[in-house]
Amino acid sequence: MPQGQIPQIPSKGTFNHSVDDRIALGISQIMACSLDLIFSALSDPTRRQILTLLLEDDMAVTDVAEPFEMSLAAISKHLTVLTNAGLIQQERRGRVKWCKLDPDAMQAAWAWMQGFGQFDALDLDGLEAYIEKTLQDS
């Protein structure tokens, strides 16, 4: 910048608009990342069964593992995926690790699916049929 020249500062409206756009983009990227984690976690039948078990009550990790024919280490990996997606919370109570469903975590996924306007909140069969038809058409 030449000496003695005053730097141009964007007007308040332009600056705020630019900041608002960057914030909205950041929120959009965070939400997309969150949705990716949620849908990835829900893509596995074992993890969906675990969520169904946790609908009833909090459970110790060993109790969660009981109905499945896999090692405790394998169940722990599934629980880590669910925790990272924000679908469950894990906490240690004494020597026992407990799992608790976080139903609010699915709100972003519900909102995203409802945005299509073709599905009721609980019509996952309709979503599945739509996806299958779309894949067949492409």
N, C-alpha and C. Protein backbone atom coordinates (compact mmCIF):
# COMPACT_ATOMS: atom_id res chain seq x y z
N MET A 1 0.86 -1.17 0.00
CA MET A 1 0.00 0.00 0.00
C MET A 1 0.90 1.23 0.00
N PRO A 2 0.60 2.18 -0.88
CA PRO A 2 1.41 3.40 -0.94
C PRO A 2 1.34 4.16 0.38
N GLN A 3 2.47 4.80 0.70
CA GLN A 3 2.55 5.53 1.96
C GLN A 3 1.57 6.70 1.95
N GLY A 4 0.91 6.88 3.08
CA GLY A 4 -0.02 7.98 3.24
C GLY A 4 -1.43 7.66 2.78
N GLN A 5 -1.63 6.47 2.17
CA GLN A 5 -2.98 6.11 1.72
C GLN A 5 -3.70 5.37 2.84
N ILE A 6 -4.94 5.69 3.03
CA ILE A 6 -5.75 5.07 4.08
C ILE A 6 -6.30 3.75 3.55
N PRO A 7 -6.13 2.66 4.32
CA PRO A 7 -6.64 1.37 3.85
C PRO A 7 -8.16 1.38 3.76
N GLN A 8 -8.67 0.69 2.77
CA GLN A 8 -10.11 0.59 2.59
C GLN A 8 -10.66 -0.48 3.53
N ILE A 9 -11.60 -0.09 4.33
CA ILE A 9 -12.26 -1.02 5.25
C ILE A 9 -13.66 -1.24 4.72
N PRO A 10 -14.06 -2.50 4.59
CA PRO A 10 -15.41 -2.74 4.07
C PRO A 10 -16.45 -2.11 4.99
N SER A 11 -17.56 -1.70 4.38
CA SER A 11 -18.63 -1.12 5.19
C SER A 11 -19.12 -2.17 6.18
N LYS A 12 -19.75 -1.72 7.23
CA LYS A 12 -20.20 -2.63 8.28
C LYS A 12 -21.11 -3.71 7.72
N GLY A 13 -22.00 -3.34 6.85
CA GLY A 13 -22.92 -4.32 6.28
C GLY A 13 -22.19 -5.38 5.47
N THR A 14 -21.22 -4.96 4.65
CA THR A 14 -20.47 -5.91 3.83
C THR A 14 -19.66 -6.84 4.70
N PHE A 15 -19.00 -6.30 5.70
CA PHE A 15 -18.18 -7.12 6.59
C PHE A 15 -19.05 -8.13 7.33
N ASN A 16 -20.15 -7.66 7.91
CA ASN A 16 -21.03 -8.56 8.66
C ASN A 16 -21.62 -9.63 7.75
N HIS A 17 -21.96 -9.24 6.52
CA HIS A 17 -22.52 -10.22 5.58
C HIS A 17 -21.48 -11.30 5.28
N SER A 18 -20.23 -10.88 5.09
CA SER A 18 -19.16 -11.82 4.81
C SER A 18 -18.94 -12.77 5.99
N VAL A 19 -18.95 -12.24 7.19
CA VAL A 19 -18.79 -13.05 8.40
C VAL A 19 -19.97 -14.00 8.54
N ASP A 20 -21.19 -13.49 8.31
CA ASP A 20 -22.38 -14.34 8.40
C ASP A 20 -22.29 -15.50 7.42
N ASP A 21 -21.82 -15.21 6.19
CA ASP A 21 -21.69 -16.27 5.18
C ASP A 21 -20.68 -17.33 5.63
N ARG A 22 -19.56 -16.88 6.20
CA ARG A 22 -18.54 -17.83 6.67
C ARG A 22 -19.06 -18.65 7.84
N ILE A 23 -19.81 -18.04 8.72
CA ILE A 23 -20.38 -18.77 9.85
C ILE A 23 -21.38 -19.80 9.34
N ALA A 24 -22.25 -19.39 8.41
CA ALA A 24 -23.25 -20.31 7.86
C ALA A 24 -22.57 -21.48 7.15
N LEU A 25 -21.50 -21.20 6.40
CA LEU A 25 -20.77 -22.26 5.72
C LEU A 25 -20.14 -23.20 6.73
N GLY A 26 -19.57 -22.65 7.79
CA GLY A 26 -18.97 -23.48 8.84
C GLY A 26 -19.99 -24.37 9.51
N ILE A 27 -21.15 -23.81 9.81
CA ILE A 27 -22.23 -24.60 10.44
C ILE A 27 -22.68 -25.69 9.48
N SER A 28 -22.81 -25.34 8.20
CA SER A 28 -23.23 -26.32 7.20
C SER A 28 -22.22 -27.46 7.10
N GLN A 29 -20.94 -27.14 7.12
CA GLN A 29 -19.90 -28.17 7.05
C GLN A 29 -19.91 -29.04 8.30
N ILE A 30 -20.10 -28.44 9.46
CA ILE A 30 -20.17 -29.20 10.71
C ILE A 30 -21.38 -30.13 10.68
N MET A 31 -22.52 -29.62 10.23
CA MET A 31 -23.72 -30.43 10.17
C MET A 31 -23.54 -31.59 9.20
N ALA A 32 -22.92 -31.34 8.05
CA ALA A 32 -22.68 -32.40 7.07
C ALA A 32 -21.77 -33.47 7.66
N CYS A 33 -20.75 -33.06 8.38
CA CYS A 33 -19.84 -34.01 9.03
C CYS A 33 -20.59 -34.82 10.07
N SER A 34 -21.43 -34.15 10.85
CA SER A 34 -22.24 -34.82 11.86
C SER A 34 -23.18 -35.83 11.22
N LEU A 35 -23.83 -35.44 10.13
CA LEU A 35 -24.74 -36.35 9.42
C LEU A 35 -23.98 -37.54 8.87
N ASP A 36 -22.78 -37.31 8.34
CA ASP A 36 -21.97 -38.42 7.83
C ASP A 36 -21.69 -39.43 8.93
N LEU A 37 -21.31 -38.94 10.10
CA LEU A 37 -21.03 -39.83 11.23
C LEU A 37 -22.27 -40.59 11.67
N ILE A 38 -23.40 -39.89 11.73
CA ILE A 38 -24.65 -40.53 12.18
C ILE A 38 -25.08 -41.61 11.19
N PHE A 39 -25.14 -41.27 9.90
CA PHE A 39 -25.59 -42.25 8.92
C PHE A 39 -24.60 -43.41 8.78
N SER A 40 -23.33 -43.13 8.92
CA SER A 40 -22.34 -44.21 8.89
C SER A 40 -22.55 -45.15 10.07
N ALA A 41 -22.79 -44.59 11.24
CA ALA A 41 -23.04 -45.41 12.43
C ALA A 41 -24.31 -46.24 12.27
N LEU A 42 -25.34 -45.65 11.68
CA LEU A 42 -26.62 -46.35 11.51
C LEU A 42 -26.59 -47.37 10.37
N SER A 43 -25.55 -47.37 9.56
CA SER A 43 -25.50 -48.27 8.41
C SER A 43 -25.24 -49.72 8.81
N ASP A 44 -24.80 -49.94 10.03
CA ASP A 44 -24.46 -51.29 10.47
C ASP A 44 -25.61 -51.90 11.29
N PRO A 45 -26.06 -53.12 10.95
CA PRO A 45 -27.19 -53.72 11.67
C PRO A 45 -26.90 -53.98 13.15
N THR A 46 -25.65 -54.31 13.48
CA THR A 46 -25.31 -54.53 14.89
C THR A 46 -25.48 -53.25 15.68
N ARG A 47 -25.03 -52.14 15.13
CA ARG A 47 -25.16 -50.86 15.84
C ARG A 47 -26.62 -50.45 15.98
N ARG A 48 -27.42 -50.74 14.96
CA ARG A 48 -28.86 -50.44 15.08
C ARG A 48 -29.49 -51.29 16.18
N GLN A 49 -29.08 -52.56 16.29
CA GLN A 49 -29.60 -53.41 17.37
C GLN A 49 -29.18 -52.88 18.73
N ILE A 50 -27.95 -52.40 18.83
CA ILE A 50 -27.47 -51.84 20.09
C ILE A 50 -28.33 -50.64 20.48
N LEU A 51 -28.63 -49.77 19.52
CA LEU A 51 -29.48 -48.61 19.81
C LEU A 51 -30.86 -49.05 20.27
N THR A 52 -31.39 -50.10 19.67
CA THR A 52 -32.70 -50.61 20.07
C THR A 52 -32.65 -51.11 21.52
N LEU A 53 -31.57 -51.80 21.88
CA LEU A 53 -31.42 -52.26 23.27
C LEU A 53 -31.40 -51.07 24.24
N LEU A 54 -30.69 -50.02 23.84
CA LEU A 54 -30.53 -48.87 24.72
C LEU A 54 -31.77 -47.99 24.79
N LEU A 55 -32.75 -48.24 23.92
CA LEU A 55 -34.02 -47.51 24.01
C LEU A 55 -34.71 -47.78 25.34
N GLU A 56 -34.54 -49.01 25.84
CA GLU A 56 -35.22 -49.41 27.07
C GLU A 56 -34.61 -48.80 28.32
N ASP A 57 -33.28 -48.80 28.40
CA ASP A 57 -32.62 -48.30 29.60
C ASP A 57 -31.11 -48.23 29.37
N ASP A 58 -30.41 -47.55 30.27
CA ASP A 58 -28.96 -47.56 30.26
C ASP A 58 -28.49 -48.99 30.49
N MET A 59 -27.37 -49.35 29.90
CA MET A 59 -26.86 -50.71 30.06
C MET A 59 -25.35 -50.70 30.23
N ALA A 60 -24.86 -51.66 31.01
CA ALA A 60 -23.42 -51.87 31.11
C ALA A 60 -22.94 -52.46 29.79
N VAL A 61 -21.69 -52.19 29.44
CA VAL A 61 -21.13 -52.69 28.19
C VAL A 61 -21.26 -54.21 28.11
N THR A 62 -21.01 -54.89 29.20
CA THR A 62 -21.10 -56.36 29.19
C THR A 62 -22.53 -56.82 28.91
N ASP A 63 -23.52 -56.08 29.39
CA ASP A 63 -24.92 -56.42 29.12
C ASP A 63 -25.29 -56.14 27.66
N VAL A 64 -24.71 -55.09 27.11
CA VAL A 64 -24.94 -54.78 25.69
C VAL A 64 -24.37 -55.91 24.83
N ALA A 65 -23.22 -56.42 25.22
CA ALA A 65 -22.53 -57.45 24.43
C ALA A 65 -23.22 -58.81 24.50
N GLU A 66 -23.95 -59.07 25.57
CA GLU A 66 -24.51 -60.40 25.82
C GLU A 66 -25.30 -61.01 24.66
N PRO A 67 -26.23 -60.29 24.02
CA PRO A 67 -27.03 -60.93 22.96
C PRO A 67 -26.27 -61.19 21.65
N PHE A 68 -25.06 -60.67 21.53
CA PHE A 68 -24.33 -60.77 20.27
C PHE A 68 -23.27 -61.87 20.34
N GLU A 69 -23.08 -62.54 19.23
CA GLU A 69 -22.06 -63.58 19.15
C GLU A 69 -20.77 -62.97 18.61
N MET A 70 -20.19 -62.09 19.39
CA MET A 70 -18.91 -61.47 19.03
C MET A 70 -18.19 -61.10 20.31
N SER A 71 -16.91 -60.81 20.17
CA SER A 71 -16.09 -60.51 21.34
C SER A 71 -16.47 -59.17 21.95
N LEU A 72 -16.09 -59.00 23.20
CA LEU A 72 -16.31 -57.73 23.89
C LEU A 72 -15.55 -56.60 23.18
N ALA A 73 -14.37 -56.94 22.64
CA ALA A 73 -13.58 -55.93 21.90
C ALA A 73 -14.34 -55.46 20.65
N ALA A 74 -14.99 -56.39 19.96
CA ALA A 74 -15.76 -56.02 18.76
C ALA A 74 -16.94 -55.13 19.13
N ILE A 75 -17.63 -55.47 20.21
CA ILE A 75 -18.75 -54.64 20.68
C ILE A 75 -18.24 -53.26 21.07
N SER A 76 -17.09 -53.21 21.73
CA SER A 76 -16.51 -51.92 22.13
C SER A 76 -16.23 -51.04 20.92
N LYS A 77 -15.80 -51.64 19.82
CA LYS A 77 -15.56 -50.86 18.60
C LYS A 77 -16.88 -50.28 18.07
N HIS A 78 -17.94 -51.08 18.10
CA HIS A 78 -19.25 -50.58 17.67
C HIS A 78 -19.70 -49.44 18.58
N LEU A 79 -19.48 -49.60 19.88
CA LEU A 79 -19.88 -48.56 20.83
C LEU A 79 -19.08 -47.28 20.61
N THR A 80 -17.82 -47.41 20.24
CA THR A 80 -17.00 -46.24 19.95
C THR A 80 -17.54 -45.48 18.74
N VAL A 81 -17.95 -46.21 17.71
CA VAL A 81 -18.53 -45.57 16.52
C VAL A 81 -19.80 -44.81 16.91
N LEU A 82 -20.66 -45.46 17.71
CA LEU A 82 -21.91 -44.82 18.14
C LEU A 82 -21.63 -43.59 19.01
N THR A 83 -20.61 -43.69 19.86
CA THR A 83 -20.23 -42.56 20.72
C THR A 83 -19.69 -41.40 19.88
N ASN A 84 -18.81 -41.71 18.93
CA ASN A 84 -18.24 -40.66 18.07
C ASN A 84 -19.30 -39.97 17.23
N ALA A 85 -20.36 -40.70 16.89
CA ALA A 85 -21.47 -40.10 16.13
C ALA A 85 -22.40 -39.31 17.04
N GLY A 86 -22.19 -39.42 18.36
CA GLY A 86 -23.03 -38.69 19.31
C GLY A 86 -24.34 -39.38 19.61
N LEU A 87 -24.51 -40.62 19.15
CA LEU A 87 -25.77 -41.33 19.34
C LEU A 87 -25.90 -41.92 20.74
N ILE A 88 -24.77 -42.23 21.35
CA ILE A 88 -24.78 -42.72 22.74
C ILE A 88 -23.71 -41.98 23.53
N GLN A 89 -23.84 -42.09 24.84
CA GLN A 89 -22.82 -41.58 25.75
C GLN A 89 -22.34 -42.75 26.59
N GLN A 90 -21.06 -42.75 26.90
CA GLN A 90 -20.51 -43.78 27.77
C GLN A 90 -19.93 -43.11 29.00
N GLU A 91 -20.15 -43.74 30.13
CA GLU A 91 -19.58 -43.20 31.37
C GLU A 91 -19.19 -44.35 32.28
N ARG A 92 -18.17 -44.12 33.04
CA ARG A 92 -17.70 -45.12 33.98
C ARG A 92 -18.35 -44.87 35.33
N ARG A 93 -18.97 -45.91 35.86
CA ARG A 93 -19.55 -45.87 37.21
C ARG A 93 -18.85 -46.96 38.01
N GLY A 94 -17.91 -46.52 38.82
CA GLY A 94 -17.08 -47.50 39.53
C GLY A 94 -16.19 -48.21 38.52
N ARG A 95 -16.26 -49.54 38.51
CA ARG A 95 -15.45 -50.31 37.56
C ARG A 95 -16.23 -50.69 36.30
N VAL A 96 -17.46 -50.26 36.21
CA VAL A 96 -18.33 -50.66 35.10
C VAL A 96 -18.54 -49.48 34.15
N LYS A 97 -18.42 -49.75 32.85
CA LYS A 97 -18.68 -48.74 31.84
C LYS A 97 -20.13 -48.89 31.37
N TRP A 98 -20.88 -47.79 31.43
CA TRP A 98 -22.30 -47.78 31.08
C TRP A 98 -22.53 -47.03 29.78
N CYS A 99 -23.56 -47.44 29.07
CA CYS A 99 -23.94 -46.79 27.80
C CYS A 99 -25.35 -46.23 27.96
N LYS A 100 -25.54 -45.06 27.40
CA LYS A 100 -26.83 -44.38 27.48
C LYS A 100 -27.15 -43.80 26.11
N LEU A 101 -28.36 -44.04 25.63
CA LEU A 101 -28.81 -43.51 24.35
C LEU A 101 -29.00 -42.00 24.46
N ASP A 102 -28.58 -41.27 23.43
CA ASP A 102 -28.83 -39.83 23.36
C ASP A 102 -29.80 -39.57 22.21
N PRO A 103 -31.11 -39.62 22.49
CA PRO A 103 -32.10 -39.50 21.41
C PRO A 103 -32.05 -38.16 20.68
N ASP A 104 -31.58 -37.12 21.34
CA ASP A 104 -31.50 -35.81 20.69
C ASP A 104 -30.49 -35.79 19.55
N ALA A 105 -29.54 -36.72 19.58
CA ALA A 105 -28.50 -36.75 18.55
C ALA A 105 -29.06 -37.03 17.17
N MET A 106 -30.21 -37.66 17.10
CA MET A 106 -30.80 -38.00 15.80
C MET A 106 -31.59 -36.83 15.20
N GLN A 107 -31.73 -35.74 15.92
CA GLN A 107 -32.52 -34.62 15.42
C GLN A 107 -31.99 -34.08 14.10
N ALA A 108 -30.67 -33.99 13.95
CA ALA A 108 -30.11 -33.48 12.70
C ALA A 108 -30.45 -34.40 11.54
N ALA A 109 -30.40 -35.70 11.77
CA ALA A 109 -30.73 -36.67 10.72
C ALA A 109 -32.22 -36.59 10.36
N TRP A 110 -33.07 -36.48 11.39
CA TRP A 110 -34.52 -36.36 11.12
C TRP A 110 -34.80 -35.10 10.32
N ALA A 111 -34.20 -34.00 10.73
CA ALA A 111 -34.43 -32.73 10.03
C ALA A 111 -33.97 -32.82 8.58
N TRP A 112 -32.83 -33.45 8.36
CA TRP A 112 -32.32 -33.59 7.00
C TRP A 112 -33.27 -34.43 6.15
N MET A 113 -33.74 -35.55 6.68
CA MET A 113 -34.64 -36.43 5.93
C MET A 113 -35.99 -35.76 5.67
N GLN A 114 -36.49 -35.03 6.64
CA GLN A 114 -37.77 -34.35 6.46
C GLN A 114 -37.67 -33.25 5.43
N GLY A 115 -36.47 -32.75 5.20
CA GLY A 115 -36.27 -31.71 4.20
C GLY A 115 -36.64 -32.16 2.80
N PHE A 116 -36.67 -33.47 2.57
CA PHE A 116 -37.07 -33.97 1.26
C PHE A 116 -38.57 -33.85 1.06
N GLY A 117 -39.33 -33.76 2.15
CA GLY A 117 -40.76 -33.57 2.07
C GLY A 117 -41.54 -34.77 1.57
N GLN A 118 -40.85 -35.86 1.28
CA GLN A 118 -41.53 -37.04 0.76
C GLN A 118 -41.73 -38.10 1.84
N PHE A 119 -41.18 -37.86 3.01
CA PHE A 119 -41.18 -38.88 4.03
C PHE A 119 -41.76 -38.35 5.33
N ASP A 120 -42.52 -39.18 6.01
CA ASP A 120 -42.92 -38.86 7.36
C ASP A 120 -41.71 -39.10 8.25
N ALA A 121 -41.74 -38.55 9.46
CA ALA A 121 -40.60 -38.70 10.36
C ALA A 121 -40.28 -40.16 10.63
N LEU A 122 -41.28 -41.02 10.64
CA LEU A 122 -41.06 -42.42 10.98
C LEU A 122 -41.12 -43.34 9.76
N ASP A 123 -41.22 -42.80 8.56
CA ASP A 123 -41.37 -43.62 7.36
C ASP A 123 -40.02 -43.96 6.75
N LEU A 124 -39.24 -44.76 7.47
CA LEU A 124 -37.93 -45.15 6.96
C LEU A 124 -38.06 -46.14 5.81
N ASP A 125 -39.16 -46.89 5.76
CA ASP A 125 -39.38 -47.79 4.63
C ASP A 125 -39.53 -46.98 3.34
N GLY A 126 -40.21 -45.84 3.43
CA GLY A 126 -40.35 -44.96 2.28
C GLY A 126 -39.00 -44.42 1.82
N LEU A 127 -38.14 -44.09 2.78
CA LEU A 127 -36.80 -43.61 2.44
C LEU A 127 -36.01 -44.71 1.75
N GLU A 128 -36.10 -45.92 2.29
CA GLU A 128 -35.39 -47.05 1.70
C GLU A 128 -35.87 -47.30 0.26
N ALA A 129 -37.18 -47.28 0.05
CA ALA A 129 -37.74 -47.49 -1.29
C ALA A 129 -37.27 -46.40 -2.25
N TYR A 130 -37.25 -45.16 -1.78
CA TYR A 130 -36.79 -44.04 -2.60
C TYR A 130 -35.33 -44.22 -3.00
N ILE A 131 -34.49 -44.61 -2.05
CA ILE A 131 -33.06 -44.80 -2.33
C ILE A 131 -32.87 -45.94 -3.32
N GLU A 132 -33.58 -47.05 -3.11
CA GLU A 132 -33.46 -48.19 -4.03
C GLU A 132 -33.88 -47.79 -5.44
N LYS A 133 -34.99 -47.05 -5.56
CA LYS A 133 -35.47 -46.61 -6.88
C LYS A 133 -34.45 -45.68 -7.53
N THR A 134 -33.89 -44.78 -6.75
CA THR A 134 -32.90 -43.84 -7.28
C THR A 134 -31.66 -44.59 -7.77
N LEU A 135 -31.22 -45.58 -7.00
CA LEU A 135 -30.05 -46.36 -7.41
C LEU A 135 -30.33 -47.18 -8.67
N GLN A 136 -31.54 -47.70 -8.79
CA GLN A 136 -31.90 -48.48 -9.98
C GLN A 136 -31.97 -47.59 -11.22
N ASP A 137 -32.43 -46.36 -11.04
CA ASP A 137 -32.57 -45.44 -12.17
C ASP A 137 -31.23 -44.91 -12.67
N SER A 138 -30.22 -44.96 -11.81
CA SER A 138 -28.93 -44.37 -12.22
C SER A 138 -27.96 -45.39 -12.75
